[in-house]
Amino acid sequence: ANEPDVRLKSVNLLGWMFTLPGRTISEPFRPLFSEFLKRLTDRVVDIRTAVVGHMKGCLLSNPFRPEAAEII
C-alpha cells in the first residue's frame, strides 16, 4: 500500500498479533512477519517507530521466542 495511513494501520494490527503473550509466529504467518519487519525501512518515520515499539513488546513478552534472532 502506498498510503502511509494504511501502512501504519497494517503495522499496528500485525504488531498487535505478533506481541500477544505466549504466542509464537506460526509457519502460515511467516510471510506476514517478514513483510512486517521490512517496514523498519519505511520512508515514514511514524511507521518505523511503530514497528520498533511492537518488536520491543514482542521481545519483552518472550525474549526466548524462536523469532528473537530475526527481530534483533
N, C-alpha and C. Protein backbone atom coordinates (compact mmCIF):
# COMPACT_ATOMS: atom_id res chain seq x y z
N ALA A 1 0.84 -1.18 0.00
CA ALA A 1 0.00 0.00 0.00
C ALA A 1 0.88 1.24 0.00
N ASN A 2 0.55 2.18 -0.83
CA ASN A 2 1.32 3.42 -0.92
C ASN A 2 0.82 4.48 0.04
N GLU A 3 -0.29 4.23 0.70
CA GLU A 3 -0.86 5.19 1.63
C GLU A 3 -0.23 5.00 3.01
N PRO A 4 0.41 6.04 3.54
CA PRO A 4 1.04 5.91 4.87
C PRO A 4 0.06 5.50 5.97
N ASP A 5 -1.17 6.02 5.94
CA ASP A 5 -2.12 5.68 7.00
C ASP A 5 -2.53 4.21 6.93
N VAL A 6 -2.63 3.66 5.73
CA VAL A 6 -2.96 2.24 5.57
C VAL A 6 -1.80 1.38 6.06
N ARG A 7 -0.58 1.78 5.72
CA ARG A 7 0.60 1.03 6.19
C ARG A 7 0.70 1.07 7.70
N LEU A 8 0.43 2.23 8.29
CA LEU A 8 0.50 2.35 9.75
C LEU A 8 -0.56 1.48 10.43
N LYS A 9 -1.76 1.47 9.90
CA LYS A 9 -2.82 0.61 10.46
C LYS A 9 -2.44 -0.86 10.32
N SER A 10 -1.86 -1.23 9.19
CA SER A 10 -1.43 -2.62 8.98
C SER A 10 -0.33 -3.00 9.96
N VAL A 11 0.63 -2.11 10.13
CA VAL A 11 1.73 -2.36 11.07
C VAL A 11 1.19 -2.52 12.49
N ASN A 12 0.25 -1.68 12.88
CA ASN A 12 -0.31 -1.78 14.23
C ASN A 12 -1.11 -3.06 14.42
N LEU A 13 -1.86 -3.47 13.42
CA LEU A 13 -2.62 -4.72 13.52
C LEU A 13 -1.69 -5.92 13.62
N LEU A 14 -0.72 -5.99 12.71
CA LEU A 14 0.22 -7.11 12.74
C LEU A 14 1.07 -7.08 14.01
N GLY A 15 1.48 -5.90 14.42
CA GLY A 15 2.27 -5.79 15.64
C GLY A 15 1.50 -6.29 16.85
N TRP A 16 0.22 -5.96 16.90
CA TRP A 16 -0.63 -6.44 17.99
C TRP A 16 -0.70 -7.97 17.96
N MET A 17 -0.87 -8.55 16.77
CA MET A 17 -0.93 -10.02 16.65
C MET A 17 0.37 -10.67 17.09
N PHE A 18 1.49 -10.10 16.67
CA PHE A 18 2.78 -10.72 16.95
C PHE A 18 3.24 -10.53 18.39
N THR A 19 2.65 -9.60 19.11
CA THR A 19 3.08 -9.38 20.50
C THR A 19 2.15 -10.03 21.52
N LEU A 20 1.18 -10.80 21.06
CA LEU A 20 0.30 -11.49 22.01
C LEU A 20 1.14 -12.41 22.89
N PRO A 21 0.96 -12.32 24.20
CA PRO A 21 1.77 -13.15 25.12
C PRO A 21 1.52 -14.63 24.89
N GLY A 22 2.60 -15.39 24.97
CA GLY A 22 2.50 -16.84 24.85
C GLY A 22 2.34 -17.35 23.44
N ARG A 23 2.44 -16.48 22.46
CA ARG A 23 2.27 -16.89 21.06
C ARG A 23 3.59 -16.82 20.32
N THR A 24 3.79 -17.78 19.46
CA THR A 24 4.91 -17.70 18.53
C THR A 24 4.32 -17.50 17.14
N ILE A 25 5.14 -17.11 16.23
CA ILE A 25 4.67 -16.84 14.88
C ILE A 25 4.68 -18.15 14.12
N SER A 26 3.48 -18.66 13.84
CA SER A 26 3.37 -19.95 13.17
C SER A 26 3.77 -19.83 11.71
N GLU A 27 4.04 -20.96 11.11
CA GLU A 27 4.53 -21.01 9.73
C GLU A 27 3.64 -20.25 8.74
N PRO A 28 2.31 -20.36 8.81
CA PRO A 28 1.50 -19.62 7.84
C PRO A 28 1.66 -18.10 7.92
N PHE A 29 2.11 -17.59 9.07
CA PHE A 29 2.26 -16.14 9.23
C PHE A 29 3.68 -15.65 8.95
N ARG A 30 4.58 -16.54 8.59
CA ARG A 30 5.97 -16.14 8.30
C ARG A 30 6.06 -15.06 7.23
N PRO A 31 5.35 -15.20 6.09
CA PRO A 31 5.44 -14.14 5.08
C PRO A 31 4.98 -12.77 5.61
N LEU A 32 3.92 -12.78 6.42
CA LEU A 32 3.45 -11.51 7.00
C LEU A 32 4.49 -10.94 7.96
N PHE A 33 5.12 -11.81 8.73
CA PHE A 33 6.14 -11.36 9.66
C PHE A 33 7.32 -10.74 8.91
N SER A 34 7.72 -11.37 7.82
CA SER A 34 8.82 -10.84 7.00
C SER A 34 8.47 -9.46 6.45
N GLU A 35 7.26 -9.32 5.94
CA GLU A 35 6.83 -8.02 5.42
C GLU A 35 6.74 -6.98 6.53
N PHE A 36 6.30 -7.42 7.70
CA PHE A 36 6.23 -6.53 8.86
C PHE A 36 7.62 -5.99 9.19
N LEU A 37 8.62 -6.87 9.21
CA LEU A 37 9.99 -6.44 9.52
C LEU A 37 10.55 -5.50 8.46
N LYS A 38 10.11 -5.65 7.22
CA LYS A 38 10.57 -4.76 6.14
C LYS A 38 10.12 -3.32 6.37
N ARG A 39 9.08 -3.13 7.16
CA ARG A 39 8.60 -1.78 7.45
C ARG A 39 9.59 -1.02 8.31
N LEU A 40 10.62 -1.69 8.82
CA LEU A 40 11.69 -1.00 9.56
C LEU A 40 12.44 -0.02 8.66
N THR A 41 12.32 -0.20 7.36
CA THR A 41 12.98 0.69 6.41
C THR A 41 11.97 1.57 5.66
N ASP A 42 10.77 1.68 6.18
CA ASP A 42 9.74 2.51 5.55
C ASP A 42 10.21 3.96 5.51
N ARG A 43 9.76 4.70 4.53
CA ARG A 43 10.17 6.11 4.40
C ARG A 43 9.49 7.02 5.41
N VAL A 44 8.41 6.53 6.04
CA VAL A 44 7.67 7.33 7.02
C VAL A 44 8.16 6.97 8.43
N VAL A 45 8.62 7.97 9.14
CA VAL A 45 9.20 7.76 10.48
C VAL A 45 8.20 7.13 11.44
N ASP A 46 6.95 7.56 11.41
CA ASP A 46 5.94 7.02 12.33
C ASP A 46 5.76 5.52 12.15
N ILE A 47 5.88 5.04 10.94
CA ILE A 47 5.73 3.60 10.68
C ILE A 47 6.93 2.85 11.23
N ARG A 48 8.12 3.36 10.99
CA ARG A 48 9.33 2.72 11.54
C ARG A 48 9.28 2.69 13.06
N THR A 49 8.85 3.79 13.65
CA THR A 49 8.74 3.87 15.11
C THR A 49 7.73 2.87 15.65
N ALA A 50 6.61 2.71 14.96
CA ALA A 50 5.58 1.75 15.39
C ALA A 50 6.13 0.33 15.34
N VAL A 51 6.86 -0.01 14.29
CA VAL A 51 7.43 -1.36 14.19
C VAL A 51 8.40 -1.60 15.34
N VAL A 52 9.26 -0.64 15.62
CA VAL A 52 10.22 -0.79 16.72
C VAL A 52 9.49 -0.99 18.04
N GLY A 53 8.45 -0.22 18.27
CA GLY A 53 7.67 -0.36 19.50
C GLY A 53 7.04 -1.73 19.64
N HIS A 54 6.48 -2.23 18.54
CA HIS A 54 5.87 -3.57 18.58
C HIS A 54 6.93 -4.65 18.77
N MET A 55 8.07 -4.50 18.14
CA MET A 55 9.13 -5.50 18.29
C MET A 55 9.68 -5.49 19.72
N LYS A 56 9.73 -4.32 20.32
CA LYS A 56 10.14 -4.24 21.73
C LYS A 56 9.16 -5.02 22.60
N GLY A 57 7.88 -4.80 22.38
CA GLY A 57 6.86 -5.53 23.13
C GLY A 57 6.92 -7.02 22.89
N CYS A 58 7.22 -7.39 21.66
CA CYS A 58 7.34 -8.80 21.29
C CYS A 58 8.47 -9.46 22.07
N LEU A 59 9.61 -8.80 22.15
CA LEU A 59 10.75 -9.37 22.87
C LEU A 59 10.54 -9.33 24.38
N LEU A 60 9.89 -8.29 24.88
CA LEU A 60 9.64 -8.21 26.31
C LEU A 60 8.65 -9.28 26.77
N SER A 61 7.69 -9.62 25.91
CA SER A 61 6.71 -10.64 26.28
C SER A 61 7.34 -12.03 26.32
N ASN A 62 8.35 -12.26 25.48
CA ASN A 62 9.05 -13.55 25.48
C ASN A 62 10.40 -13.38 24.79
N PRO A 63 11.45 -13.08 25.55
CA PRO A 63 12.76 -12.85 24.94
C PRO A 63 13.38 -14.11 24.32
N PHE A 64 12.84 -15.26 24.63
CA PHE A 64 13.40 -16.52 24.11
C PHE A 64 12.56 -17.11 22.98
N ARG A 65 11.66 -16.33 22.44
CA ARG A 65 10.81 -16.82 21.35
C ARG A 65 11.67 -17.18 20.14
N PRO A 66 11.23 -18.13 19.33
CA PRO A 66 12.03 -18.58 18.18
C PRO A 66 12.39 -17.46 17.20
N GLU A 67 11.57 -16.42 17.12
CA GLU A 67 11.81 -15.33 16.17
C GLU A 67 12.74 -14.26 16.72
N ALA A 68 13.24 -14.42 17.92
CA ALA A 68 14.05 -13.37 18.56
C ALA A 68 15.26 -12.98 17.71
N ALA A 69 15.91 -13.94 17.10
CA ALA A 69 17.09 -13.63 16.27
C ALA A 69 16.71 -12.77 15.08
N GLU A 70 15.55 -13.01 14.48
CA GLU A 70 15.10 -12.20 13.34
C GLU A 70 14.77 -10.78 13.79
N ILE A 71 14.22 -10.66 14.97
CA ILE A 71 13.81 -9.35 15.48
C ILE A 71 15.04 -8.50 15.78
N ILE A 72 16.04 -9.12 16.38
CA ILE A 72 17.24 -8.39 16.75
C ILE A 72 18.05 -8.12 15.51
